[in-house]
PDB file of all heavy atoms in Angstrom:
ATOM      1  N   CYS A   1     -12.651   3.631  12.912  1.00  0.00           N
ATOM      2  CA  CYS A   1     -11.601   2.648  13.144  1.00  0.00           C
ATOM      3  C   CYS A   1     -10.272   3.391  13.207  1.00  0.00           C
ATOM      4  O   CYS A   1     -10.143   4.488  12.652  1.00  0.00           O
ATOM      5  CB  CYS A   1     -11.583   1.618  12.006  1.00  0.00           C
ATOM      6  SG  CYS A   1     -10.679   0.095  12.386  1.00  0.00           S
ATOM      7  N   THR A   2      -9.281   2.836  13.865  1.00  0.00           N
ATOM      8  CA  THR A   2      -8.000   3.521  14.018  1.00  0.00           C
ATOM      9  C   THR A   2      -7.129   3.354  12.778  1.00  0.00           C
ATOM     10  O   THR A   2      -7.202   2.340  12.075  1.00  0.00           O
ATOM     11  CB  THR A   2      -7.231   2.979  15.230  1.00  0.00           C
ATOM     12  OG1 THR A   2      -6.872   1.606  14.986  1.00  0.00           O
ATOM     13  CG2 THR A   2      -8.077   3.062  16.495  1.00  0.00           C
ATOM     14  N   ASP A   3      -6.292   4.355  12.528  1.00  0.00           N
ATOM     15  CA  ASP A   3      -5.338   4.248  11.422  1.00  0.00           C
ATOM     16  C   ASP A   3      -4.390   3.079  11.633  1.00  0.00           C
ATOM     17  O   ASP A   3      -3.965   2.422  10.673  1.00  0.00           O
ATOM     18  CB  ASP A   3      -4.536   5.548  11.296  1.00  0.00           C
ATOM     19  CG  ASP A   3      -5.362   6.684  10.710  1.00  0.00           C
ATOM     20  OD1 ASP A   3      -6.568   6.475  10.442  1.00  0.00           O
ATOM     21  OD2 ASP A   3      -4.815   7.791  10.528  1.00  0.00           O
ATOM     22  N   LYS A   4      -4.042   2.816  12.889  1.00  0.00           N
ATOM     23  CA  LYS A   4      -3.146   1.700  13.187  1.00  0.00           C
ATOM     24  C   LYS A   4      -3.736   0.392  12.699  1.00  0.00           C
ATOM     25  O   LYS A   4      -3.040  -0.423  12.075  1.00  0.00           O
ATOM     26  CB  LYS A   4      -2.874   1.628  14.691  1.00  0.00           C
ATOM     27  CG  LYS A   4      -1.930   0.513  15.100  1.00  0.00           C
ATOM     28  CD  LYS A   4      -1.682   0.521  16.609  1.00  0.00           C
ATOM     29  CE  LYS A   4      -0.747  -0.618  17.018  1.00  0.00           C
ATOM     30  NZ  LYS A   4      -0.509  -0.609  18.494  1.00  0.00           N
ATOM     31  N   ARG A   5      -5.006   0.161  12.961  1.00  0.00           N
ATOM     32  CA  ARG A   5      -5.664  -1.057  12.507  1.00  0.00           C
ATOM     33  C   ARG A   5      -5.724  -1.118  10.988  1.00  0.00           C
ATOM     34  O   ARG A   5      -5.461  -2.155  10.381  1.00  0.00           O
ATOM     35  CB  ARG A   5      -7.073  -1.131  13.111  1.00  0.00           C
ATOM     36  CG  ARG A   5      -7.999  -2.170  12.478  1.00  0.00           C
ATOM     37  CD  ARG A   5      -7.445  -3.573  12.576  1.00  0.00           C
ATOM     38  NE  ARG A   5      -7.225  -3.974  13.961  1.00  0.00           N
ATOM     39  CZ  ARG A   5      -6.660  -5.133  14.307  1.00  0.00           C
ATOM     40  NH1 ARG A   5      -6.232  -5.972  13.370  1.00  0.00           N
ATOM     41  NH2 ARG A   5      -6.487  -5.441  15.579  1.00  0.00           N
ATOM     42  N   ILE A   6      -6.036   0.007  10.363  1.00  0.00           N
ATOM     43  CA  ILE A   6      -6.128   0.027   8.896  1.00  0.00           C
ATOM     44  C   ILE A   6      -4.776  -0.286   8.269  1.00  0.00           C
ATOM     45  O   ILE A   6      -4.690  -1.030   7.286  1.00  0.00           O
ATOM     46  CB  ILE A   6      -6.644   1.391   8.399  1.00  0.00           C
ATOM     47  CG1 ILE A   6      -8.013   1.688   9.018  1.00  0.00           C
ATOM     48  CG2 ILE A   6      -6.718   1.416   6.880  1.00  0.00           C
ATOM     49  CD1 ILE A   6      -9.035   0.593   8.844  1.00  0.00           C
ATOM     50  N   ASN A   7      -3.701   0.247   8.840  1.00  0.00           N
ATOM     51  CA  ASN A   7      -2.359  -0.018   8.304  1.00  0.00           C
ATOM     52  C   ASN A   7      -1.938  -1.478   8.476  1.00  0.00           C
ATOM     53  O   ASN A   7      -1.024  -1.949   7.793  1.00  0.00           O
ATOM     54  CB  ASN A   7      -1.336   0.905   8.970  1.00  0.00           C
ATOM     55  CG  ASN A   7      -1.483   2.352   8.531  1.00  0.00           C
ATOM     56  OD1 ASN A   7      -2.027   2.631   7.455  1.00  0.00           O
ATOM     57  ND2 ASN A   7      -1.005   3.277   9.337  1.00  0.00           N
ATOM     58  N   GLN A   8      -2.585  -2.172   9.389  1.00  0.00           N
ATOM     59  CA  GLN A   8      -2.312  -3.606   9.535  1.00  0.00           C
ATOM     60  C   GLN A   8      -3.035  -4.426   8.480  1.00  0.00           C
ATOM     61  O   GLN A   8      -2.589  -5.508   8.096  1.00  0.00           O
ATOM     62  CB  GLN A   8      -2.733  -4.071  10.938  1.00  0.00           C
ATOM     63  CG  GLN A   8      -1.892  -3.503  12.062  1.00  0.00           C
ATOM     64  CD  GLN A   8      -2.456  -3.813  13.442  1.00  0.00           C
ATOM     65  OE1 GLN A   8      -3.619  -4.214  13.575  1.00  0.00           O
ATOM     66  NE2 GLN A   8      -1.648  -3.626  14.471  1.00  0.00           N
ATOM     67  N   VAL A   9      -4.140  -3.893   8.003  1.00  0.00           N
ATOM     68  CA  VAL A   9      -4.997  -4.618   7.068  1.00  0.00           C
ATOM     69  C   VAL A   9      -4.629  -4.358   5.607  1.00  0.00           C
ATOM     70  O   VAL A   9      -4.678  -5.273   4.772  1.00  0.00           O
ATOM     71  CB  VAL A   9      -6.474  -4.215   7.311  1.00  0.00           C
ATOM     72  CG1 VAL A   9      -7.378  -4.679   6.168  1.00  0.00           C
ATOM     73  CG2 VAL A   9      -6.955  -4.768   8.639  1.00  0.00           C
ATOM     74  N   THR A  10      -4.267  -3.124   5.282  1.00  0.00           N
ATOM     75  CA  THR A  10      -4.139  -2.740   3.878  1.00  0.00           C
ATOM     76  C   THR A  10      -2.969  -3.368   3.116  1.00  0.00           C
ATOM     77  O   THR A  10      -3.101  -3.548   1.896  1.00  0.00           O
ATOM     78  CB  THR A  10      -4.077  -1.201   3.740  1.00  0.00           C
ATOM     79  OG1 THR A  10      -3.088  -0.670   4.647  1.00  0.00           O
ATOM     80  CG2 THR A  10      -5.431  -0.581   4.031  1.00  0.00           C
ATOM     81  N   PRO A  11      -1.838  -3.723   3.728  1.00  0.00           N
ATOM     82  CA  PRO A  11      -0.772  -4.321   2.898  1.00  0.00           C
ATOM     83  C   PRO A  11      -1.230  -5.577   2.143  1.00  0.00           C
ATOM     84  O   PRO A  11      -0.980  -5.699   0.931  1.00  0.00           O
ATOM     85  CB  PRO A  11       0.322  -4.641   3.922  1.00  0.00           C
ATOM     86  CG  PRO A  11       0.156  -3.603   4.972  1.00  0.00           C
ATOM     87  CD  PRO A  11      -1.333  -3.434   5.096  1.00  0.00           C
ATOM     88  N   SER A  12      -1.911  -6.471   2.818  1.00  0.00           N
ATOM     89  CA  SER A  12      -2.383  -7.673   2.132  1.00  0.00           C
ATOM     90  C   SER A  12      -3.533  -7.347   1.186  1.00  0.00           C
ATOM     91  O   SER A  12      -3.646  -7.935   0.099  1.00  0.00           O
ATOM     92  CB  SER A  12      -2.806  -8.736   3.149  1.00  0.00           C
ATOM     93  OG  SER A  12      -3.815  -8.245   4.006  1.00  0.00           O
ATOM     94  N   LEU A  13      -4.404  -6.422   1.595  1.00  0.00           N
ATOM     95  CA  LEU A  13      -5.516  -6.015   0.725  1.00  0.00           C
ATOM     96  C   LEU A  13      -4.996  -5.411  -0.575  1.00  0.00           C
ATOM     97  O   LEU A  13      -5.453  -5.768  -1.666  1.00  0.00           O
ATOM     98  CB  LEU A  13      -6.402  -5.005   1.457  1.00  0.00           C
ATOM     99  CG  LEU A  13      -7.580  -4.436   0.660  1.00  0.00           C
ATOM    100  CD1 LEU A  13      -8.625  -5.516   0.391  1.00  0.00           C
ATOM    101  CD2 LEU A  13      -8.213  -3.254   1.406  1.00  0.00           C
ATOM    102  N   PHE A  14      -4.026  -4.504  -0.466  1.00  0.00           N
ATOM    103  CA  PHE A  14      -3.483  -3.867  -1.658  1.00  0.00           C
ATOM    104  C   PHE A  14      -2.602  -4.810  -2.472  1.00  0.00           C
ATOM    105  O   PHE A  14      -2.434  -4.629  -3.673  1.00  0.00           O
ATOM    106  CB  PHE A  14      -2.700  -2.606  -1.278  1.00  0.00           C
ATOM    107  CG  PHE A  14      -3.551  -1.513  -0.683  1.00  0.00           C
ATOM    108  CD1 PHE A  14      -3.009  -0.582   0.186  1.00  0.00           C
ATOM    109  CD2 PHE A  14      -4.898  -1.416  -0.991  1.00  0.00           C
ATOM    110  CE1 PHE A  14      -3.790   0.422   0.739  1.00  0.00           C
ATOM    111  CE2 PHE A  14      -5.699  -0.409  -0.441  1.00  0.00           C
ATOM    112  CZ  PHE A  14      -5.132   0.504   0.419  1.00  0.00           C
ATOM    113  N   GLY A  15      -2.028  -5.799  -1.797  1.00  0.00           N
ATOM    114  CA  GLY A  15      -1.273  -6.805  -2.534  1.00  0.00           C
ATOM    115  C   GLY A  15      -2.161  -7.586  -3.478  1.00  0.00           C
ATOM    116  O   GLY A  15      -1.756  -7.965  -4.581  1.00  0.00           O
ATOM    117  N   ARG A  16      -3.393  -7.823  -3.025  1.00  0.00           N
ATOM    118  CA  ARG A  16      -4.359  -8.567  -3.844  1.00  0.00           C
ATOM    119  C   ARG A  16      -5.107  -7.654  -4.802  1.00  0.00           C
ATOM    120  O   ARG A  16      -5.424  -8.023  -5.934  1.00  0.00           O
ATOM    121  CB  ARG A  16      -5.351  -9.284  -2.924  1.00  0.00           C
ATOM    122  CG  ARG A  16      -6.476 -10.019  -3.652  1.00  0.00           C
ATOM    123  CD  ARG A  16      -5.952 -11.165  -4.499  1.00  0.00           C
ATOM    124  NE  ARG A  16      -7.049 -11.847  -5.179  1.00  0.00           N
ATOM    125  CZ  ARG A  16      -7.576 -11.456  -6.345  1.00  0.00           C
ATOM    126  NH1 ARG A  16      -7.087 -10.377  -6.941  1.00  0.00           N
ATOM    127  NH2 ARG A  16      -8.571 -12.128  -6.891  1.00  0.00           N
ATOM    128  N   PHE A  17      -5.437  -6.458  -4.349  1.00  0.00           N
ATOM    129  CA  PHE A  17      -6.203  -5.505  -5.155  1.00  0.00           C
ATOM    130  C   PHE A  17      -5.468  -4.162  -5.192  1.00  0.00           C
ATOM    131  O   PHE A  17      -5.809  -3.234  -4.465  1.00  0.00           O
ATOM    132  CB  PHE A  17      -7.606  -5.305  -4.570  1.00  0.00           C
ATOM    133  CG  PHE A  17      -8.360  -6.581  -4.313  1.00  0.00           C
ATOM    134  CD1 PHE A  17      -8.618  -6.993  -3.011  1.00  0.00           C
ATOM    135  CD2 PHE A  17      -8.810  -7.357  -5.361  1.00  0.00           C
ATOM    136  CE1 PHE A  17      -9.321  -8.155  -2.766  1.00  0.00           C
ATOM    137  CE2 PHE A  17      -9.509  -8.533  -5.133  1.00  0.00           C
ATOM    138  CZ  PHE A  17      -9.767  -8.936  -3.832  1.00  0.00           C
ATOM    139  N   PRO A  18      -4.456  -4.028  -6.026  1.00  0.00           N
ATOM    140  CA  PRO A  18      -3.639  -2.814  -6.006  1.00  0.00           C
ATOM    141  C   PRO A  18      -4.305  -1.597  -6.639  1.00  0.00           C
ATOM    142  O   PRO A  18      -3.901  -0.465  -6.370  1.00  0.00           O
ATOM    143  CB  PRO A  18      -2.403  -3.217  -6.809  1.00  0.00           C
ATOM    144  CG  PRO A  18      -2.904  -4.283  -7.746  1.00  0.00           C
ATOM    145  CD  PRO A  18      -3.940  -5.035  -6.953  1.00  0.00           C
ATOM    146  N   ASP A  19      -5.317  -1.818  -7.467  1.00  0.00           N
ATOM    147  CA  ASP A  19      -5.943  -0.693  -8.159  1.00  0.00           C
ATOM    148  C   ASP A  19      -7.434  -0.948  -8.329  1.00  0.00           C
ATOM    149  O   ASP A  19      -7.963  -2.008  -7.966  1.00  0.00           O
ATOM    150  CB  ASP A  19      -5.280  -0.442  -9.517  1.00  0.00           C
ATOM    151  CG  ASP A  19      -5.205  -1.704 -10.378  1.00  0.00           C
ATOM    152  OD1 ASP A  19      -6.127  -2.537 -10.297  1.00  0.00           O
ATOM    153  OD2 ASP A  19      -4.224  -1.855 -11.126  1.00  0.00           O
ATOM    154  N   ALA A  20      -8.122   0.050  -8.882  1.00  0.00           N
ATOM    155  CA  ALA A  20      -9.575  -0.047  -9.018  1.00  0.00           C
ATOM    156  C   ALA A  20      -9.980  -1.201  -9.919  1.00  0.00           C
ATOM    157  O   ALA A  20     -10.978  -1.896  -9.643  1.00  0.00           O
ATOM    158  CB  ALA A  20     -10.123   1.272  -9.549  1.00  0.00           C
ATOM    159  N   LYS A  21      -9.254  -1.424 -10.979  1.00  0.00           N
ATOM    160  CA  LYS A  21      -9.605  -2.497 -11.905  1.00  0.00           C
ATOM    161  C   LYS A  21      -9.561  -3.852 -11.209  1.00  0.00           C
ATOM    162  O   LYS A  21     -10.455  -4.695 -11.390  1.00  0.00           O
ATOM    163  CB  LYS A  21      -8.662  -2.490 -13.104  1.00  0.00           C
ATOM    164  CG  LYS A  21      -9.004  -3.536 -14.160  1.00  0.00           C
ATOM    165  CD  LYS A  21      -8.077  -3.435 -15.364  1.00  0.00           C
ATOM    166  CE  LYS A  21      -8.439  -4.489 -16.408  1.00  0.00           C
ATOM    167  NZ  LYS A  21      -7.531  -4.406 -17.583  1.00  0.00           N
ATOM    168  N   ALA A  22      -8.545  -4.080 -10.417  1.00  0.00           N
ATOM    169  CA  ALA A  22      -8.423  -5.362  -9.709  1.00  0.00           C
ATOM    170  C   ALA A  22      -9.555  -5.540  -8.712  1.00  0.00           C
ATOM    171  O   ALA A  22     -10.157  -6.618  -8.619  1.00  0.00           O
ATOM    172  CB  ALA A  22      -7.073  -5.445  -9.012  1.00  0.00           C
ATOM    173  N   MET A  23      -9.876  -4.469  -7.951  1.00  0.00           N
ATOM    174  CA  MET A  23     -10.934  -4.592  -6.953  1.00  0.00           C
ATOM    175  C   MET A  23     -12.308  -4.673  -7.599  1.00  0.00           C
ATOM    176  O   MET A  23     -13.226  -5.306  -7.053  1.00  0.00           O
ATOM    177  CB  MET A  23     -10.867  -3.432  -5.966  1.00  0.00           C
ATOM    178  CG  MET A  23     -11.777  -3.603  -4.752  1.00  0.00           C
ATOM    179  SD  MET A  23     -11.479  -2.375  -3.454  1.00  0.00           S
ATOM    180  CE  MET A  23      -9.929  -2.979  -2.753  1.00  0.00           C
ATOM    181  N   ALA A  24     -12.479  -4.056  -8.754  1.00  0.00           N
ATOM    182  CA  ALA A  24     -13.767  -4.099  -9.440  1.00  0.00           C
ATOM    183  C   ALA A  24     -14.130  -5.521  -9.857  1.00  0.00           C
ATOM    184  O   ALA A  24     -15.310  -5.855 -10.008  1.00  0.00           O
ATOM    185  CB  ALA A  24     -13.746  -3.185 -10.660  1.00  0.00           C
ATOM    186  N   GLY A  25     -13.129  -6.365 -10.056  1.00  0.00           N
ATOM    187  CA  GLY A  25     -13.376  -7.742 -10.455  1.00  0.00           C
ATOM    188  C   GLY A  25     -13.573  -8.694  -9.298  1.00  0.00           C
ATOM    189  O   GLY A  25     -13.778  -9.897  -9.504  1.00  0.00           O
TER     190      GLY A  25
END
């Protein structure tokens, strides 16, 4: 996948799951 696409997706993803603990849940 392109970095451009990933950079469009990750701001909201990281807003919800900023660290491993958050994503683990």
